[in-house]
Amino acid sequence: MNLATQPAEDTLAALRKQIGKRSIVFIGLMGAGKTAIGRKVAQALGLPFADSDHEIETVSRMTIPELFERYGEPEFRALEERVVVRLVRDGPQVVSTGGGAFMNAHARSAIAEHGISVWLKADIDTLMLRVAKKPNRPLLKNPDPRAVMERLMAERYPVYALADITVQTRDARRELITEEVLESLAAHLAAVHDTAPEA
């Protein structure tokens, strides 16, 4: 099924129908490509796209680094939780979330209830190469950002593993990763359908 390079409209339409009113929610660490791949998946499926970090900046009228600096991480996380819960309930759409969003139990529960979670899993070298291009990451303002990233991976990957779908992201074309996400979505929805009890 070569969805991304030559999307078969009937296949994508069937996938949209299976998704129903749910949101497709991208989770993963900073640098995993949640926004870039999320946009492409939304485009392929003809669904709206929302970035929770962008929404947070819109409602707070501050940048993420400013929020961290002025109010600290706990206040930021509380706002993030409210925004993510609202977004996933407004489906169907594709939502990319900040790296810490899925660590929040309430947000995780809302995603499970109203969405399909997709973990974009990346290795340390891929992540560090990507985050180096955006030096304004509050959690990486540290003399040893690689050590911080390794700690975040150790803390978060076991929780990210609870996601409905895991797709390995790497140094590959976005179209290829998008195709793999769409194929994984189709496989997941087919499996869920097959195991659903008869009405």
Foldseek 3Di string as FASTA:
>chain_A
DQCLVPNDVVLLQVLLVLQPFFAEEEEEAALLCLQVLLVSLCVSNVFAEEELQVVLCVVVVHHPLVCCVPPNDVVVLVSSLVSLLVVRNRGHHYYYYHHCNLVDPSSVVSCVVRHAYEYADEDLVSRVVRCVVPVSDVQQPDPDSSVSVVVSCVVPVVSSVVGLYYQYDDPDDSSVSSSVVSVRSVVSSVVCVVPDDDD
